[in-house]
Amino acid sequence: MTSSLLTPRSSPKFSIEFFPPATPEGMTKLQGVRAQLAALGPEFFSVTYGAGGSTRDRTLQVVREIREAGLDAAPHLSCIGSTQDSIREHLAEFREIGVKRIVALRGDLPSGMADPGEFRYANELVEFIRKESGDEFLLEVASYPEVHPQARSFDADFKAFLTKVRAGASSSITQYFYNADAYFHFVEAVRREGVDIPIVPGIMPIASFTKLSRFSESCGAEIPQWMRRKFEGFGDDAESVRAFGLDVVTALCERLLAGGAPSLHFYTLNQTGLTRELVQRLGLQAS
């Protein structure tokens, strides 16, 4: 493993991802979660965006509340099913509330929608935003150390990533994974292509192995066999699952940071406990 090909880490940083709740009660709960996690000193909060813009208003509401609290927010923006005019409207909304960072994604077509709109791939969205806004926004794009589940091959997925970067991406956040070697190999391959943008590991805390296993099947994240067997051995012992999951993810993060990962991006699923515990264990909490 050649860690020198990774971006050196000057100081421990992390960011946090939320999804926009579907109910007023969920929105109120998220405000409390955000306040608790904000106290840890994240670099920014990202907020997901539903298929075909299905959560547009709620995503914008959460982003607006984060900005009003004086914090940095990075809304997700997917382009599939969108038009150039609708993307321009989004950019105007982001500009109005002081957003400086966008997570630019292809996204998925909602069930029953056949028309992909004026954009088919994320690189087209990145290129369009750069054409419309220059360097006004930092643009995060997705990467998949273990390959996108819809990709024809590793090479096809890798070339798609490079296309997004060369269209104007500022940084990348990966799909979550539990095999650190997959991340290191991916970064080394990227560096060999002369690409030096930060590649931030996406980190998924483990609260329920059943839910994690089901979700991983759909998004292409591999659960190593040794982990799977250990979790299965705990059966319904939720406390043992939680404790083992914390140990596994802590060790993963420690290895990633030691190997040069520039920061960490936590997929919180709108929960506080596990992410806060991980941040404290890793010594990432702001003094």
C-alpha atoms as a PDB file:
ATOM      1  CA  MET A   1       0.000   0.000   0.000  1.00  0.00           C
ATOM      2  CA  THR A   2       1.463   3.366  -1.034  1.00  0.00           C
ATOM      3  CA  SER A   3      -0.101   5.946   1.247  1.00  0.00           C
ATOM      4  CA  SER A   4       2.084   8.701  -0.237  1.00  0.00           C
ATOM      5  CA  LEU A   5      -0.346   8.828  -3.158  1.00  0.00           C
ATOM      6  CA  LEU A   6      -3.095   9.962  -0.813  1.00  0.00           C
ATOM      7  CA  THR A   7      -3.796  13.559   0.138  1.00  0.00           C
ATOM      8  CA  PRO A   8      -1.962  14.378   3.413  1.00  0.00           C
ATOM      9  CA  ARG A   9      -4.229  15.210   6.347  1.00  0.00           C
ATOM     10  CA  SER A  10      -3.334  18.527   7.980  1.00  0.00           C
ATOM     11  CA  SER A  11      -5.951  18.312  10.731  1.00  0.00           C
ATOM     12  CA  PRO A  12      -8.824  15.975  11.605  1.00  0.00           C
ATOM     13  CA  LYS A  13     -12.018  17.042   9.833  1.00  0.00           C
ATOM     14  CA  PHE A  14     -15.400  15.466   9.283  1.00  0.00           C
ATOM     15  CA  SER A  15     -18.764  16.236   7.751  1.00  0.00           C
ATOM     16  CA  ILE A  16     -22.263  14.939   8.409  1.00  0.00           C
ATOM     17  CA  GLU A  17     -25.141  13.880   6.182  1.00  0.00           C
ATOM     18  CA  PHE A  18     -28.889  14.147   6.875  1.00  0.00           C
ATOM     19  CA  PHE A  19     -31.969  13.259   4.881  1.00  0.00           C
ATOM     20  CA  PRO A  20     -35.006  15.588   4.888  1.00  0.00           C
ATOM     21  CA  PRO A  21     -37.726  14.110   7.147  1.00  0.00           C
ATOM     22  CA  ALA A  22     -41.195  13.578   5.695  1.00  0.00           C
ATOM     23  CA  THR A  23     -43.161  14.846   8.719  1.00  0.00           C
ATOM     24  CA  PRO A  24     -43.191  17.983  10.897  1.00  0.00           C
ATOM     25  CA  GLU A  25     -42.302  15.793  13.874  1.00  0.00           C
ATOM     26  CA  GLY A  26     -39.300  14.463  12.004  1.00  0.00           C
ATOM     27  CA  MET A  27     -38.200  17.990  11.133  1.00  0.00           C
ATOM     28  CA  THR A  28     -38.397  19.004  14.797  1.00  0.00           C
ATOM     29  CA  LYS A  29     -36.409  15.958  15.863  1.00  0.00           C
ATOM     30  CA  LEU A  30     -33.755  16.694  13.247  1.00  0.00           C
ATOM     31  CA  GLN A  31     -33.272  20.191  14.636  1.00  0.00           C
ATOM     32  CA  GLY A  32     -32.266  18.629  17.957  1.00  0.00           C
ATOM     33  CA  VAL A  33     -29.973  16.095  16.261  1.00  0.00           C
ATOM     34  CA  ARG A  34     -28.343  18.859  14.251  1.00  0.00           C
ATOM     35  CA  ALA A  35     -27.729  20.988  17.361  1.00  0.00           C
ATOM     36  CA  GLN A  36     -26.058  18.086  19.180  1.00  0.00           C
ATOM     37  CA  LEU A  37     -23.839  17.170  16.232  1.00  0.00           C
ATOM     38  CA  ALA A  38     -23.026  20.806  15.452  1.00  0.00           C
ATOM     39  CA  ALA A  39     -21.414  21.016  18.893  1.00  0.00           C
ATOM     40  CA  LEU A  40     -18.804  18.514  17.654  1.00  0.00           C
ATOM     41  CA  GLY A  41     -17.548  20.977  15.032  1.00  0.00           C
ATOM     42  CA  PRO A  42     -18.240  19.379  11.628  1.00  0.00           C
ATOM     43  CA  GLU A  43     -16.883  21.080   8.512  1.00  0.00           C
ATOM     44  CA  PHE A  44     -20.350  21.052   6.912  1.00  0.00           C
ATOM     45  CA  PHE A  45     -23.710  19.263   6.838  1.00  0.00           C
ATOM     46  CA  SER A  46     -24.989  17.721   3.606  1.00  0.00           C
ATOM     47  CA  VAL A  47     -28.683  17.108   2.935  1.00  0.00           C
ATOM     48  CA  THR A  48     -29.921  14.458   0.512  1.00  0.00           C
ATOM     49  CA  TYR A  49     -32.307  14.978  -2.382  1.00  0.00           C
ATOM     50  CA  GLY A  50     -35.015  12.500  -3.373  1.00  0.00           C
ATOM     51  CA  ALA A  51     -35.346  10.782  -6.737  1.00  0.00           C
ATOM     52  CA  GLY A  52     -36.397  13.245  -9.435  1.00  0.00           C
ATOM     53  CA  GLY A  53     -36.458  16.100  -6.930  1.00  0.00           C
ATOM     54  CA  SER A  54     -39.171  14.490  -4.826  1.00  0.00           C
ATOM     55  CA  THR A  55     -37.859  16.096  -1.624  1.00  0.00           C
ATOM     56  CA  ARG A  56     -36.909  19.452  -3.150  1.00  0.00           C
ATOM     57  CA  ASP A  57     -38.865  21.662  -0.747  1.00  0.00           C
ATOM     58  CA  ARG A  58     -37.911  19.663   2.342  1.00  0.00           C
ATOM     59  CA  THR A  59     -34.252  19.515   1.328  1.00  0.00           C
ATOM     60  CA  LEU A  60     -34.232  23.284   0.881  1.00  0.00           C
ATOM     61  CA  GLN A  61     -35.982  23.780   4.234  1.00  0.00           C
ATOM     62  CA  VAL A  62     -33.349  21.741   6.098  1.00  0.00           C
ATOM     63  CA  VAL A  63     -30.521  23.518   4.260  1.00  0.00           C
ATOM     64  CA  ARG A  64     -32.058  26.895   5.044  1.00  0.00           C
ATOM     65  CA  GLU A  65     -32.335  26.026   8.764  1.00  0.00           C
ATOM     66  CA  ILE A  66     -28.715  24.900   8.834  1.00  0.00           C
ATOM     67  CA  ARG A  67     -27.598  28.148   7.219  1.00  0.00           C
ATOM     68  CA  GLU A  68     -29.745  30.222   9.593  1.00  0.00           C
ATOM     69  CA  ALA A  69     -27.942  28.520  12.472  1.00  0.00           C
ATOM     70  CA  GLY A  70     -24.685  29.888  11.065  1.00  0.00           C
ATOM     71  CA  LEU A  71     -23.461  26.521   9.794  1.00  0.00           C
ATOM     72  CA  ASP A  72     -22.233  25.406   6.379  1.00  0.00           C
ATOM     73  CA  ALA A  73     -24.706  23.320   4.384  1.00  0.00           C
ATOM     74  CA  ALA A  74     -24.192  21.320   1.192  1.00  0.00           C
ATOM     75  CA  PRO A  75     -27.456  20.382  -0.513  1.00  0.00           C
ATOM     76  CA  HIS A  76     -27.485  17.342  -2.749  1.00  0.00           C
ATOM     77  CA  LEU A  77     -28.637  18.120  -6.279  1.00  0.00           C
ATOM     78  CA  SER A  78     -29.465  15.302  -8.691  1.00  0.00           C
ATOM     79  CA  CYS A  79     -29.999  15.987 -12.376  1.00  0.00           C
ATOM     80  CA  ILE A  80     -31.898  13.006 -13.764  1.00  0.00           C
ATOM     81  CA  GLY A  81     -35.388  14.115 -14.769  1.00  0.00           C
ATOM     82  CA  SER A  82     -34.353  17.786 -14.559  1.00  0.00           C
ATOM     83  CA  THR A  83     -34.192  20.610 -17.071  1.00  0.00           C
ATOM     84  CA  GLN A  84     -31.591  23.335 -17.386  1.00  0.00           C
ATOM     85  CA  ASP A  85     -34.150  25.856 -16.167  1.00  0.00           C
ATOM     86  CA  SER A  86     -34.943  23.828 -13.041  1.00  0.00           C
ATOM     87  CA  ILE A  87     -31.244  23.508 -12.214  1.00  0.00           C
ATOM     88  CA  ARG A  88     -30.872  27.281 -12.665  1.00  0.00           C
ATOM     89  CA  GLU A  89     -33.720  27.765 -10.171  1.00  0.00           C
ATOM     90  CA  HIS A  90     -31.941  25.536  -7.672  1.00  0.00           C
ATOM     91  CA  LEU A  91     -28.693  27.446  -8.064  1.00  0.00           C
ATOM     92  CA  ALA A  92     -30.531  30.727  -7.504  1.00  0.00           C
ATOM     93  CA  GLU A  93     -32.113  29.331  -4.318  1.00  0.00           C
ATOM     94  CA  PHE A  94     -28.756  28.115  -3.044  1.00  0.00           C
ATOM     95  CA  ARG A  95     -27.151  31.452  -3.832  1.00  0.00           C
ATOM     96  CA  GLU A  96     -29.905  33.294  -1.972  1.00  0.00           C
ATOM     97  CA  ILE A  97     -29.264  31.446   1.304  1.00  0.00           C
ATOM     98  CA  GLY A  98     -25.486  31.515   1.081  1.00  0.00           C
ATOM     99  CA  VAL A  99     -24.723  27.944   0.031  1.00  0.00           C
ATOM    100  CA  LYS A 100     -21.131  27.517  -1.136  1.00  0.00           C
ATOM    101  CA  ARG A 101     -20.962  23.737  -1.603  1.00  0.00           C
ATOM    102  CA  ILE A 102     -23.174  21.367  -3.634  1.00  0.00           C
ATOM    103  CA  VAL A 103     -23.157  17.569  -3.851  1.00  0.00           C
ATOM    104  CA  ALA A 104     -23.752  17.052  -7.592  1.00  0.00           C
ATOM    105  CA  LEU A 105     -25.262  13.666  -8.476  1.00  0.00           C
ATOM    106  CA  ARG A 106     -26.985  11.871 -11.314  1.00  0.00           C
ATOM    107  CA  GLY A 107     -29.710  10.504  -9.052  1.00  0.00           C
ATOM    108  CA  ASP A 108     -32.452   8.029  -9.890  1.00  0.00           C
ATOM    109  CA  LEU A 109     -35.613   8.423 -11.916  1.00  0.00           C
ATOM    110  CA  PRO A 110     -38.752   8.132  -9.768  1.00  0.00           C
ATOM    111  CA  SER A 111     -40.774   4.998 -10.308  1.00  0.00           C
ATOM    112  CA  GLY A 112     -42.979   5.361 -13.361  1.00  0.00           C
ATOM    113  CA  MET A 113     -41.044   8.271 -14.900  1.00  0.00           C
ATOM    114  CA  ALA A 114     -39.546   7.418 -18.293  1.00  0.00           C
ATOM    115  CA  ASP A 115     -38.079  10.741 -19.425  1.00  0.00           C
ATOM    116  CA  PRO A 116     -34.558  11.387 -18.058  1.00  0.00           C
ATOM    117  CA  GLY A 117     -34.867  15.103 -18.840  1.00  0.00           C
ATOM    118  CA  GLU A 118     -32.041  17.220 -20.225  1.00  0.00           C
ATOM    119  CA  PHE A 119     -29.304  15.551 -18.178  1.00  0.00           C
ATOM    120  CA  ARG A 120     -28.315  11.891 -18.249  1.00  0.00           C
ATOM    121  CA  TYR A 121     -25.097  11.816 -16.227  1.00  0.00           C
ATOM    122  CA  ALA A 122     -23.553  13.665 -13.297  1.00  0.00           C
ATOM    123  CA  ASN A 123     -20.674  15.008 -15.401  1.00  0.00           C
ATOM    124  CA  GLU A 124     -23.248  16.913 -17.469  1.00  0.00           C
ATOM    125  CA  LEU A 125     -24.607  18.494 -14.286  1.00  0.00           C
ATOM    126  CA  VAL A 126     -21.124  19.447 -13.081  1.00  0.00           C
ATOM    127  CA  GLU A 127     -20.281  20.940 -16.462  1.00  0.00           C
ATOM    128  CA  PHE A 128     -23.546  22.903 -16.543  1.00  0.00           C
ATOM    129  CA  ILE A 129     -23.066  24.318 -13.030  1.00  0.00           C
ATOM    130  CA  ARG A 130     -19.539  25.413 -13.920  1.00  0.00           C
ATOM    131  CA  LYS A 131     -20.834  27.062 -17.104  1.00  0.00           C
ATOM    132  CA  GLU A 132     -23.572  28.877 -15.182  1.00  0.00           C
ATOM    133  CA  SER A 133     -21.668  29.751 -11.999  1.00  0.00           C
ATOM    134  CA  GLY A 134     -17.944  29.465 -12.629  1.00  0.00           C
ATOM    135  CA  ASP A 135     -16.113  28.720  -9.389  1.00  0.00           C
ATOM    136  CA  GLU A 136     -18.877  30.069  -7.165  1.00  0.00           C
ATOM    137  CA  PHE A 137     -19.625  26.630  -5.697  1.00  0.00           C
ATOM    138  CA  LEU A 138     -17.463  23.791  -4.441  1.00  0.00           C
ATOM    139  CA  LEU A 139     -18.817  20.733  -6.238  1.00  0.00           C
ATOM    140  CA  GLU A 140     -18.711  17.352  -4.512  1.00  0.00           C
ATOM    141  CA  VAL A 141     -19.270  14.254  -6.658  1.00  0.00           C
ATOM    142  CA  ALA A 142     -19.842  10.629  -5.698  1.00  0.00           C
ATOM    143  CA  SER A 143     -17.261   7.864  -6.003  1.00  0.00           C
ATOM    144  CA  TYR A 144     -17.512   4.114  -5.519  1.00  0.00           C
ATOM    145  CA  PRO A 145     -14.373   2.296  -4.303  1.00  0.00           C
ATOM    146  CA  GLU A 146     -16.251  -1.004  -4.655  1.00  0.00           C
ATOM    147  CA  VAL A 147     -17.874  -0.004  -7.986  1.00  0.00           C
ATOM    148  CA  HIS A 148     -21.309   1.495  -8.601  1.00  0.00           C
ATOM    149  CA  PRO A 149     -23.958  -1.269  -8.521  1.00  0.00           C
ATOM    150  CA  GLN A 150     -25.211  -0.284 -11.991  1.00  0.00           C
ATOM    151  CA  ALA A 151     -21.780  -0.040 -13.607  1.00  0.00           C
ATOM    152  CA  ARG A 152     -20.838  -2.499 -16.360  1.00  0.00           C
ATOM    153  CA  SER A 153     -17.345  -2.927 -14.933  1.00  0.00           C
ATOM    154  CA  PHE A 154     -14.746  -1.328 -12.683  1.00  0.00           C
ATOM    155  CA  ASP A 155     -13.115   0.325 -15.701  1.00  0.00           C
ATOM    156  CA  ALA A 156     -16.411   1.803 -16.903  1.00  0.00           C
ATOM    157  CA  ASP A 157     -17.184   3.139 -13.435  1.00  0.00           C
ATOM    158  CA  PHE A 158     -13.666   4.508 -13.040  1.00  0.00           C
ATOM    159  CA  LYS A 159     -13.841   6.326 -16.373  1.00  0.00           C
ATOM    160  CA  ALA A 160     -17.218   7.801 -15.396  1.00  0.00           C
ATOM    161  CA  PHE A 161     -15.661   9.151 -12.202  1.00  0.00           C
ATOM    162  CA  LEU A 162     -12.748  10.730 -14.095  1.00  0.00           C
ATOM    163  CA  THR A 163     -15.227  12.346 -16.477  1.00  0.00           C
ATOM    164  CA  LYS A 164     -17.005  13.993 -13.520  1.00  0.00           C
ATOM    165  CA  VAL A 165     -13.723  15.232 -12.101  1.00  0.00           C
ATOM    166  CA  ARG A 166     -12.575  16.679 -15.415  1.00  0.00           C
ATOM    167  CA  ALA A 167     -15.921  18.396 -15.845  1.00  0.00           C
ATOM    168  CA  GLY A 168     -15.079  20.512 -12.808  1.00  0.00           C
ATOM    169  CA  ALA A 169     -15.535  18.562  -9.550  1.00  0.00           C
ATOM    170  CA  SER A 170     -13.815  20.043  -6.494  1.00  0.00           C
ATOM    171  CA  SER A 171     -13.897  16.982  -4.261  1.00  0.00           C
ATOM    172  CA  SER A 172     -15.497  13.552  -3.935  1.00  0.00           C
ATOM    173  CA  ILE A 173     -17.385  11.681  -1.224  1.00  0.00           C
ATOM    174  CA  THR A 174     -17.393   7.899  -1.496  1.00  0.00           C
ATOM    175  CA  GLN A 175     -20.115   5.355  -0.988  1.00  0.00           C
ATOM    176  CA  TYR A 176     -19.651   3.739   2.411  1.00  0.00           C
ATOM    177  CA  PHE A 177     -17.477   0.632   2.649  1.00  0.00           C
ATOM    178  CA  TYR A 178     -15.857  -1.551   5.309  1.00  0.00           C
ATOM    179  CA  ASN A 179     -12.783  -2.665   3.357  1.00  0.00           C
ATOM    180  CA  ALA A 180     -10.124   0.035   3.680  1.00  0.00           C
ATOM    181  CA  ASP A 181      -8.023  -1.550   0.932  1.00  0.00           C
ATOM    182  CA  ALA A 182     -10.796  -0.827  -1.578  1.00  0.00           C
ATOM    183  CA  TYR A 183     -10.512   2.873  -0.748  1.00  0.00           C
ATOM    184  CA  PHE A 184      -6.711   2.950  -0.899  1.00  0.00           C
ATOM    185  CA  HIS A 185      -6.602   1.091  -4.217  1.00  0.00           C
ATOM    186  CA  PHE A 186      -9.212   3.430  -5.677  1.00  0.00           C
ATOM    187  CA  VAL A 187      -7.336   6.551  -4.569  1.00  0.00           C
ATOM    188  CA  GLU A 188      -4.049   5.215  -5.920  1.00  0.00           C
ATOM    189  CA  ALA A 189      -5.694   4.539  -9.289  1.00  0.00           C
ATOM    190  CA  VAL A 190      -7.087   8.080  -9.332  1.00  0.00           C
ATOM    191  CA  ARG A 191      -3.720   9.617  -8.462  1.00  0.00           C
ATOM    192  CA  ARG A 192      -2.033   7.689 -11.272  1.00  0.00           C
ATOM    193  CA  GLU A 193      -4.377   9.520 -13.647  1.00  0.00           C
ATOM    194  CA  GLY A 194      -3.061  12.854 -12.397  1.00  0.00           C
ATOM    195  CA  VAL A 195      -6.215  13.682 -10.429  1.00  0.00           C
ATOM    196  CA  ASP A 196      -5.494  15.278  -7.057  1.00  0.00           C
ATOM    197  CA  ILE A 197      -8.901  16.315  -5.694  1.00  0.00           C
ATOM    198  CA  PRO A 198      -9.708  15.176  -2.124  1.00  0.00           C
ATOM    199  CA  ILE A 199     -11.498  11.823  -1.958  1.00  0.00           C
ATOM    200  CA  VAL A 200     -13.378  11.665   1.329  1.00  0.00           C
ATOM    201  CA  PRO A 201     -14.439   8.261   2.684  1.00  0.00           C
ATOM    202  CA  GLY A 202     -18.144   7.884   3.399  1.00  0.00           C
ATOM    203  CA  ILE A 203     -18.664   6.237   6.801  1.00  0.00           C
ATOM    204  CA  MET A 204     -21.796   4.330   7.799  1.00  0.00           C
ATOM    205  CA  PRO A 205     -22.170   3.675  11.554  1.00  0.00           C
ATOM    206  CA  ILE A 206     -23.793   0.321  12.301  1.00  0.00           C
ATOM    207  CA  ALA A 207     -26.939   0.333  14.431  1.00  0.00           C
ATOM    208  CA  SER A 208     -28.663  -2.753  12.999  1.00  0.00           C
ATOM    209  CA  PHE A 209     -26.969  -5.484  11.012  1.00  0.00           C
ATOM    210  CA  THR A 210     -30.271  -6.542   9.437  1.00  0.00           C
ATOM    211  CA  LYS A 211     -30.903  -3.063   8.062  1.00  0.00           C
ATOM    212  CA  LEU A 212     -27.279  -2.635   7.020  1.00  0.00           C
ATOM    213  CA  SER A 213     -27.288  -5.927   5.138  1.00  0.00           C
ATOM    214  CA  ARG A 214     -30.495  -5.070   3.287  1.00  0.00           C
ATOM    215  CA  PHE A 215     -29.296  -1.578   2.391  1.00  0.00           C
ATOM    216  CA  SER A 216     -25.865  -2.810   1.292  1.00  0.00           C
ATOM    217  CA  GLU A 217     -27.407  -5.228  -1.185  1.00  0.00           C
ATOM    218  CA  SER A 218     -29.130  -2.378  -2.993  1.00  0.00           C
ATOM    219  CA  CYS A 219     -26.232   0.092  -3.026  1.00  0.00           C
ATOM    220  CA  GLY A 220     -23.376  -2.270  -3.792  1.00  0.00           C
ATOM    221  CA  ALA A 221     -21.439  -1.930  -0.530  1.00  0.00           C
ATOM    222  CA  GLU A 222     -19.689  -5.143   0.462  1.00  0.00           C
ATOM    223  CA  ILE A 223     -19.875  -6.469   4.008  1.00  0.00           C
ATOM    224  CA  PRO A 224     -16.748  -8.605   4.564  1.00  0.00           C
ATOM    225  CA  GLN A 225     -17.500 -12.204   5.402  1.00  0.00           C
ATOM    226  CA  TRP A 226     -15.773 -12.067   8.795  1.00  0.00           C
ATOM    227  CA  MET A 227     -17.966  -9.113   9.791  1.00  0.00           C
ATOM    228  CA  ARG A 228     -21.113 -10.792   8.535  1.00  0.00           C
ATOM    229  CA  ARG A 229     -20.426 -13.990  10.498  1.00  0.00           C
ATOM    230  CA  LYS A 230     -19.663 -12.050  13.662  1.00  0.00           C
ATOM    231  CA  PHE A 231     -22.863  -9.979  13.426  1.00  0.00           C
ATOM    232  CA  GLU A 232     -24.954 -13.046  12.658  1.00  0.00           C
ATOM    233  CA  GLY A 233     -23.542 -14.706  15.758  1.00  0.00           C
ATOM    234  CA  PHE A 234     -25.005 -11.951  17.947  1.00  0.00           C
ATOM    235  CA  GLY A 235     -28.566 -12.770  16.870  1.00  0.00           C
ATOM    236  CA  ASP A 236     -30.981 -10.339  18.554  1.00  0.00           C
ATOM    237  CA  ASP A 237     -28.378  -8.995  21.012  1.00  0.00           C
ATOM    238  CA  ALA A 238     -28.663  -5.350  19.971  1.00  0.00           C
ATOM    239  CA  GLU A 239     -26.117  -4.114  22.500  1.00  0.00           C
ATOM    240  CA  SER A 240     -23.442  -6.513  21.236  1.00  0.00           C
ATOM    241  CA  VAL A 241     -24.200  -5.500  17.642  1.00  0.00           C
ATOM    242  CA  ARG A 242     -23.822  -1.847  18.587  1.00  0.00           C
ATOM    243  CA  ALA A 243     -20.578  -2.363  20.505  1.00  0.00           C
ATOM    244  CA  PHE A 244     -18.980  -4.506  17.809  1.00  0.00           C
ATOM    245  CA  GLY A 245     -20.131  -2.110  15.098  1.00  0.00           C
ATOM    246  CA  LEU A 246     -18.534   0.813  16.923  1.00  0.00           C
ATOM    247  CA  ASP A 247     -15.247  -1.072  17.268  1.00  0.00           C
ATOM    248  CA  VAL A 248     -15.224  -2.067  13.590  1.00  0.00           C
ATOM    249  CA  VAL A 249     -16.018   1.416  12.286  1.00  0.00           C
ATOM    250  CA  THR A 250     -13.595   3.094  14.707  1.00  0.00           C
ATOM    251  CA  ALA A 251     -10.777   0.830  13.502  1.00  0.00           C
ATOM    252  CA  LEU A 252     -11.743   1.500   9.877  1.00  0.00           C
ATOM    253  CA  CYS A 253     -11.661   5.270  10.401  1.00  0.00           C
ATOM    254  CA  GLU A 254      -8.348   5.127  12.241  1.00  0.00           C
ATOM    255  CA  ARG A 255      -6.765   3.222   9.375  1.00  0.00           C
ATOM    256  CA  LEU A 256      -8.199   5.584   6.764  1.00  0.00           C
ATOM    257  CA  LEU A 257      -6.960   8.680   8.568  1.00  0.00           C
ATOM    258  CA  ALA A 258      -3.538   7.126   9.217  1.00  0.00           C
ATOM    259  CA  GLY A 259      -3.343   6.293   5.503  1.00  0.00           C
ATOM    260  CA  GLY A 260      -3.968   9.880   4.451  1.00  0.00           C
ATOM    261  CA  ALA A 261      -7.736  10.242   4.050  1.00  0.00           C
ATOM    262  CA  PRO A 262      -8.388  14.026   4.041  1.00  0.00           C
ATOM    263  CA  SER A 263     -11.486  13.827   6.256  1.00  0.00           C
ATOM    264  CA  LEU A 264     -14.509  11.615   6.977  1.00  0.00           C
ATOM    265  CA  HIS A 265     -18.154  11.957   5.928  1.00  0.00           C
ATOM    266  CA  PHE A 266     -20.654  10.329   8.304  1.00  0.00           C
ATOM    267  CA  TYR A 267     -23.984   8.971   7.029  1.00  0.00           C
ATOM    268  CA  THR A 268     -25.968   9.566  10.216  1.00  0.00           C
ATOM    269  CA  LEU A 269     -29.459   8.470   9.104  1.00  0.00           C
ATOM    270  CA  ASN A 270     -30.606  11.447  11.235  1.00  0.00           C
ATOM    271  CA  GLN A 271     -29.367   9.837  14.442  1.00  0.00           C
ATOM    272  CA  THR A 272     -26.953  11.278  16.994  1.00  0.00           C
ATOM    273  CA  GLY A 273     -25.492   8.571  19.214  1.00  0.00           C
ATOM    274  CA  LEU A 274     -23.221   6.458  17.012  1.00  0.00           C
ATOM    275  CA  THR A 275     -21.766   9.370  15.057  1.00  0.00           C
ATOM    276  CA  ARG A 276     -21.071  11.330  18.228  1.00  0.00           C
ATOM    277  CA  GLU A 277     -19.394   8.305  19.805  1.00  0.00           C
ATOM    278  CA  LEU A 278     -17.216   7.764  16.719  1.00  0.00           C
ATOM    279  CA  VAL A 279     -16.192  11.414  16.520  1.00  0.00           C
ATOM    280  CA  GLN A 280     -15.210  11.390  20.196  1.00  0.00           C
ATOM    281  CA  ARG A 281     -13.314   8.102  19.925  1.00  0.00           C
ATOM    282  CA  LEU A 282     -11.360   9.412  16.947  1.00  0.00           C
ATOM    283  CA  GLY A 283     -10.496  12.690  18.595  1.00  0.00           C
ATOM    284  CA  LEU A 284     -12.203  14.723  15.868  1.00  0.00           C
ATOM    285  CA  GLN A 285     -14.322  16.795  18.214  1.00  0.00           C
ATOM    286  CA  ALA A 286     -13.587  20.512  18.144  1.00  0.00           C
ATOM    287  CA  SER A 287     -11.865  21.787  21.272  1.00  0.00           C
END
